[in-house]
Amino acid sequence: RATDNGLSSLDDVCTIKVTILDIN
């Protein structure tokens, strides 16, 4: 979430997939 510091704060959200890579 990104939130501003306005008098009435507003925000936006971003959902991210993190892929875990296999190592040998």
PDB file of all heavy atoms in Angstrom:
ATOM      1  N   ARG A   1       0.845  -1.190   0.000  1.00  0.00           N
ATOM      2  CA  ARG A   1       0.000   0.000   0.000  1.00  0.00           C
ATOM      3  C   ARG A   1       0.884   1.243   0.000  1.00  0.00           C
ATOM      4  O   ARG A   1       1.866   1.324   0.743  1.00  0.00           O
ATOM      5  CB  ARG A   1      -0.922   0.025   1.211  1.00  0.00           C
ATOM      6  CG  ARG A   1      -1.799   1.295   1.278  1.00  0.00           C
ATOM      7  CD  ARG A   1      -2.907   1.181   2.288  1.00  0.00           C
ATOM      8  NE  ARG A   1      -2.403   0.979   3.639  1.00  0.00           N
ATOM      9  CZ  ARG A   1      -3.190   0.732   4.682  1.00  0.00           C
ATOM     10  NH1 ARG A   1      -4.495   0.618   4.515  1.00  0.00           N
ATOM     11  NH2 ARG A   1      -2.669   0.564   5.886  1.00  0.00           N
ATOM     12  N   ALA A   2       0.531   2.176  -0.845  1.00  0.00           N
ATOM     13  CA  ALA A   2       1.169   3.494  -0.866  1.00  0.00           C
ATOM     14  C   ALA A   2       0.156   4.506  -0.342  1.00  0.00           C
ATOM     15  O   ALA A   2      -0.944   4.638  -0.893  1.00  0.00           O
ATOM     16  CB  ALA A   2       1.608   3.863  -2.278  1.00  0.00           C
ATOM     17  N   THR A   3       0.505   5.204   0.737  1.00  0.00           N
ATOM     18  CA  THR A   3      -0.411   6.137   1.393  1.00  0.00           C
ATOM     19  C   THR A   3       0.195   7.537   1.400  1.00  0.00           C
ATOM     20  O   THR A   3       1.362   7.705   1.768  1.00  0.00           O
ATOM     21  CB  THR A   3      -0.685   5.699   2.840  1.00  0.00           C
ATOM     22  OG1 THR A   3      -1.132   4.342   2.856  1.00  0.00           O
ATOM     23  CG2 THR A   3      -1.756   6.582   3.482  1.00  0.00           C
ATOM     24  N   ASP A   4      -0.600   8.534   0.975  1.00  0.00           N
ATOM     25  CA  ASP A   4      -0.085   9.902   1.027  1.00  0.00           C
ATOM     26  C   ASP A   4      -0.376  10.517   2.402  1.00  0.00           C
ATOM     27  O   ASP A   4      -1.036   9.914   3.242  1.00  0.00           O
ATOM     28  CB  ASP A   4      -0.648  10.752  -0.115  1.00  0.00           C
ATOM     29  CG  ASP A   4      -2.160  10.969  -0.010  1.00  0.00           C
ATOM     30  OD1 ASP A   4      -2.704  10.847   1.102  1.00  0.00           O
ATOM     31  OD2 ASP A   4      -2.794  11.270  -1.031  1.00  0.00           O
ATOM     32  N   ASN A   5       0.129  11.715   2.607  1.00  0.00           N
ATOM     33  CA  ASN A   5      -0.046  12.369   3.910  1.00  0.00           C
ATOM     34  C   ASN A   5      -0.983  13.571   3.815  1.00  0.00           C
ATOM     35  O   ASN A   5      -0.831  14.554   4.531  1.00  0.00           O
ATOM     36  CB  ASN A   5       1.312  12.801   4.480  1.00  0.00           C
ATOM     37  CG  ASN A   5       1.979  13.872   3.624  1.00  0.00           C
ATOM     38  OD1 ASN A   5       1.669  14.002   2.433  1.00  0.00           O
ATOM     39  ND2 ASN A   5       2.889  14.650   4.207  1.00  0.00           N
ATOM     40  N   GLY A   6      -1.978  13.438   2.924  1.00  0.00           N
ATOM     41  CA  GLY A   6      -2.968  14.500   2.796  1.00  0.00           C
ATOM     42  C   GLY A   6      -3.835  14.594   4.037  1.00  0.00           C
ATOM     43  O   GLY A   6      -3.826  13.715   4.915  1.00  0.00           O
ATOM     44  N   LEU A   7      -4.619  15.673   4.097  1.00  0.00           N
ATOM     45  CA  LEU A   7      -5.485  15.892   5.248  1.00  0.00           C
ATOM     46  C   LEU A   7      -6.429  14.715   5.433  1.00  0.00           C
ATOM     47  O   LEU A   7      -6.677  14.252   6.540  1.00  0.00           O
ATOM     48  CB  LEU A   7      -6.267  17.203   5.071  1.00  0.00           C
ATOM     49  CG  LEU A   7      -6.962  17.734   6.318  1.00  0.00           C
ATOM     50  CD1 LEU A   7      -5.968  17.947   7.444  1.00  0.00           C
ATOM     51  CD2 LEU A   7      -7.722  19.003   6.004  1.00  0.00           C
ATOM     52  N   SER A   8      -6.986  14.252   4.298  1.00  0.00           N
ATOM     53  CA  SER A   8      -7.710  12.976   4.285  1.00  0.00           C
ATOM     54  C   SER A   8      -6.857  12.028   3.451  1.00  0.00           C
ATOM     55  O   SER A   8      -6.907  12.068   2.215  1.00  0.00           O
ATOM     56  CB  SER A   8      -9.105  13.128   3.671  1.00  0.00           C
ATOM     57  OG  SER A   8      -9.905  13.986   4.447  1.00  0.00           O
ATOM     58  N   SER A   9      -6.038  11.226   4.103  1.00  0.00           N
ATOM     59  CA  SER A   9      -5.051  10.429   3.379  1.00  0.00           C
ATOM     60  C   SER A   9      -5.728   9.437   2.442  1.00  0.00           C
ATOM     61  O   SER A   9      -6.756   8.848   2.777  1.00  0.00           O
ATOM     62  CB  SER A   9      -4.150   9.680   4.362  1.00  0.00           C
ATOM     63  OG  SER A   9      -4.902   8.770   5.125  1.00  0.00           O
ATOM     64  N   LEU A  10      -5.137   9.313   1.265  1.00  0.00           N
ATOM     65  CA  LEU A  10      -5.610   8.365   0.266  1.00  0.00           C
ATOM     66  C   LEU A  10      -4.491   7.376  -0.020  1.00  0.00           C
ATOM     67  O   LEU A  10      -3.324   7.619   0.291  1.00  0.00           O
ATOM     68  CB  LEU A  10      -6.013   9.090  -1.016  1.00  0.00           C
ATOM     69  CG  LEU A  10      -7.174  10.087  -0.899  1.00  0.00           C
ATOM     70  CD1 LEU A  10      -7.428  10.766  -2.231  1.00  0.00           C
ATOM     71  CD2 LEU A  10      -8.444   9.389  -0.416  1.00  0.00           C
ATOM     72  N   ASP A  11      -4.867   6.238  -0.608  1.00  0.00           N
ATOM     73  CA  ASP A  11      -3.849   5.231  -0.891  1.00  0.00           C
ATOM     74  C   ASP A  11      -4.179   4.466  -2.158  1.00  0.00           C
ATOM     75  O   ASP A  11      -5.264   4.564  -2.714  1.00  0.00           O
ATOM     76  CB  ASP A  11      -3.683   4.271   0.292  1.00  0.00           C
ATOM     77  CG  ASP A  11      -4.984   3.595   0.693  1.00  0.00           C
ATOM     78  OD1 ASP A  11      -5.804   3.311  -0.200  1.00  0.00           O
ATOM     79  OD2 ASP A  11      -5.190   3.341   1.888  1.00  0.00           O
ATOM     80  N   ASP A  12      -3.186   3.718  -2.612  1.00  0.00           N
ATOM     81  CA  ASP A  12      -3.349   2.778  -3.706  1.00  0.00           C
ATOM     82  C   ASP A  12      -2.665   1.492  -3.280  1.00  0.00           C
ATOM     83  O   ASP A  12      -1.764   1.502  -2.433  1.00  0.00           O
ATOM     84  CB  ASP A  12      -2.715   3.324  -4.996  1.00  0.00           C
ATOM     85  CG  ASP A  12      -3.103   2.494  -6.210  1.00  0.00           C
ATOM     86  OD1 ASP A  12      -4.101   1.751  -6.127  1.00  0.00           O
ATOM     87  OD2 ASP A  12      -2.410   2.589  -7.250  1.00  0.00           O
ATOM     88  N   VAL A  13      -3.112   0.368  -3.834  1.00  0.00           N
ATOM     89  CA  VAL A  13      -2.515  -0.914  -3.488  1.00  0.00           C
ATOM     90  C   VAL A  13      -2.019  -1.611  -4.747  1.00  0.00           C
ATOM     91  O   VAL A  13      -2.536  -1.398  -5.842  1.00  0.00           O
ATOM     92  CB  VAL A  13      -3.506  -1.831  -2.739  1.00  0.00           C
ATOM     93  CG1 VAL A  13      -3.873  -1.249  -1.400  1.00  0.00           C
ATOM     94  CG2 VAL A  13      -4.739  -2.106  -3.578  1.00  0.00           C
ATOM     95  N   CYS A  14      -1.024  -2.443  -4.588  1.00  0.00           N
ATOM     96  CA  CYS A  14      -0.453  -3.216  -5.685  1.00  0.00           C
ATOM     97  C   CYS A  14      -0.148  -4.615  -5.163  1.00  0.00           C
ATOM     98  O   CYS A  14       0.579  -4.770  -4.181  1.00  0.00           O
ATOM     99  CB  CYS A  14       0.820  -2.546  -6.217  1.00  0.00           C
ATOM    100  SG  CYS A  14       1.664  -3.473  -7.504  1.00  0.00           S
ATOM    101  N   THR A  15      -0.725  -5.633  -5.791  1.00  0.00           N
ATOM    102  CA  THR A  15      -0.485  -7.013  -5.403  1.00  0.00           C
ATOM    103  C   THR A  15       0.583  -7.610  -6.310  1.00  0.00           C
ATOM    104  O   THR A  15       0.482  -7.535  -7.530  1.00  0.00           O
ATOM    105  CB  THR A  15      -1.773  -7.841  -5.481  1.00  0.00           C
ATOM    106  OG1 THR A  15      -2.751  -7.270  -4.601  1.00  0.00           O
ATOM    107  CG2 THR A  15      -1.520  -9.273  -5.054  1.00  0.00           C
ATOM    108  N   ILE A  16       1.588  -8.209  -5.701  1.00  0.00           N
ATOM    109  CA  ILE A  16       2.767  -8.684  -6.428  1.00  0.00           C
ATOM    110  C   ILE A  16       2.995 -10.152  -6.102  1.00  0.00           C
ATOM    111  O   ILE A  16       2.918 -10.572  -4.945  1.00  0.00           O
ATOM    112  CB  ILE A  16       4.015  -7.866  -6.021  1.00  0.00           C
ATOM    113  CG1 ILE A  16       3.787  -6.377  -6.294  1.00  0.00           C
ATOM    114  CG2 ILE A  16       5.258  -8.368  -6.747  1.00  0.00           C
ATOM    115  CD1 ILE A  16       4.774  -5.482  -5.573  1.00  0.00           C
ATOM    116  N   LYS A  17       3.280 -10.936  -7.143  1.00  0.00           N
ATOM    117  CA  LYS A  17       3.660 -12.337  -6.931  1.00  0.00           C
ATOM    118  C   LYS A  17       5.179 -12.434  -6.897  1.00  0.00           C
ATOM    119  O   LYS A  17       5.858 -12.017  -7.829  1.00  0.00           O
ATOM    120  CB  LYS A  17       3.114 -13.243  -8.032  1.00  0.00           C
ATOM    121  CG  LYS A  17       3.502 -14.711  -7.843  1.00  0.00           C
ATOM    122  CD  LYS A  17       2.877 -15.613  -8.885  1.00  0.00           C
ATOM    123  CE  LYS A  17       3.638 -15.561 -10.195  1.00  0.00           C
ATOM    124  NZ  LYS A  17       3.177 -16.614 -11.133  1.00  0.00           N
ATOM    125  N   VAL A  18       5.700 -13.010  -5.815  1.00  0.00           N
ATOM    126  CA  VAL A  18       7.140 -13.249  -5.688  1.00  0.00           C
ATOM    127  C   VAL A  18       7.377 -14.744  -5.911  1.00  0.00           C
ATOM    128  O   VAL A  18       6.851 -15.584  -5.173  1.00  0.00           O
ATOM    129  CB  VAL A  18       7.675 -12.834  -4.303  1.00  0.00           C
ATOM    130  CG1 VAL A  18       9.176 -13.090  -4.220  1.00  0.00           C
ATOM    131  CG2 VAL A  18       7.354 -11.370  -4.024  1.00  0.00           C
ATOM    132  N   THR A  19       8.132 -15.083  -6.938  1.00  0.00           N
ATOM    133  CA  THR A  19       8.427 -16.475  -7.267  1.00  0.00           C
ATOM    134  C   THR A  19       9.744 -16.893  -6.621  1.00  0.00           C
ATOM    135  O   THR A  19      10.760 -16.216  -6.779  1.00  0.00           O
ATOM    136  CB  THR A  19       8.517 -16.663  -8.784  1.00  0.00           C
ATOM    137  OG1 THR A  19       7.276 -16.268  -9.390  1.00  0.00           O
ATOM    138  CG2 THR A  19       8.797 -18.122  -9.138  1.00  0.00           C
ATOM    139  N   ILE A  20       9.711 -17.987  -5.884  1.00  0.00           N
ATOM    140  CA  ILE A  20      10.908 -18.518  -5.240  1.00  0.00           C
ATOM    141  C   ILE A  20      11.577 -19.486  -6.209  1.00  0.00           C
ATOM    142  O   ILE A  20      10.956 -20.451  -6.675  1.00  0.00           O
ATOM    143  CB  ILE A  20      10.571 -19.230  -3.914  1.00  0.00           C
ATOM    144  CG1 ILE A  20       9.708 -18.322  -3.030  1.00  0.00           C
ATOM    145  CG2 ILE A  20      11.843 -19.649  -3.201  1.00  0.00           C
ATOM    146  CD1 ILE A  20      10.350 -17.004  -2.679  1.00  0.00           C
ATOM    147  N   LEU A  21      12.842 -19.236  -6.521  1.00  0.00           N
ATOM    148  CA  LEU A  21      13.576 -20.046  -7.485  1.00  0.00           C
ATOM    149  C   LEU A  21      14.338 -21.169  -6.777  1.00  0.00           C
ATOM    150  O   LEU A  21      14.935 -20.962  -5.730  1.00  0.00           O
ATOM    151  CB  LEU A  21      14.559 -19.172  -8.269  1.00  0.00           C
ATOM    152  CG  LEU A  21      13.963 -18.004  -9.060  1.00  0.00           C
ATOM    153  CD1 LEU A  21      15.069 -17.237  -9.771  1.00  0.00           C
ATOM    154  CD2 LEU A  21      12.923 -18.495 -10.062  1.00  0.00           C
ATOM    155  N   ASP A  22      14.302 -22.331  -7.385  1.00  0.00           N
ATOM    156  CA  ASP A  22      15.038 -23.461  -6.850  1.00  0.00           C
ATOM    157  C   ASP A  22      16.520 -23.326  -7.173  1.00  0.00           C
ATOM    158  O   ASP A  22      16.887 -22.834  -8.243  1.00  0.00           O
ATOM    159  CB  ASP A  22      14.502 -24.753  -7.462  1.00  0.00           C
ATOM    160  CG  ASP A  22      15.097 -25.989  -6.816  1.00  0.00           C
ATOM    161  OD1 ASP A  22      15.247 -25.993  -5.589  1.00  0.00           O
ATOM    162  OD2 ASP A  22      15.400 -26.949  -7.550  1.00  0.00           O
ATOM    163  N   ILE A  23      17.363 -23.725  -6.255  1.00  0.00           N
ATOM    164  CA  ILE A  23      18.789 -23.819  -6.525  1.00  0.00           C
ATOM    165  C   ILE A  23      19.219 -25.259  -6.272  1.00  0.00           C
ATOM    166  O   ILE A  23      18.545 -26.007  -5.544  1.00  0.00           O
ATOM    167  CB  ILE A  23      19.623 -22.849  -5.652  1.00  0.00           C
ATOM    168  CG1 ILE A  23      19.474 -23.182  -4.154  1.00  0.00           C
ATOM    169  CG2 ILE A  23      19.233 -21.404  -5.926  1.00  0.00           C
ATOM    170  CD1 ILE A  23      20.379 -22.360  -3.261  1.00  0.00           C
ATOM    171  N   ASN A  24      20.306 -25.639  -6.865  1.00  0.00           N
ATOM    172  CA  ASN A  24      20.789 -27.013  -6.728  1.00  0.00           C
ATOM    173  C   ASN A  24      21.582 -27.123  -5.429  1.00  0.00           C
ATOM    174  O   ASN A  24      22.807 -27.192  -5.422  1.00  0.00           O
ATOM    175  CB  ASN A  24      21.651 -27.372  -7.937  1.00  0.00           C
ATOM    176  CG  ASN A  24      21.942 -28.865  -8.000  1.00  0.00           C
ATOM    177  OD1 ASN A  24      21.429 -29.629  -7.199  1.00  0.00           O
ATOM    178  ND2 ASN A  24      22.771 -29.270  -8.940  1.00  0.00           N
TER     179      ASN A  24
END
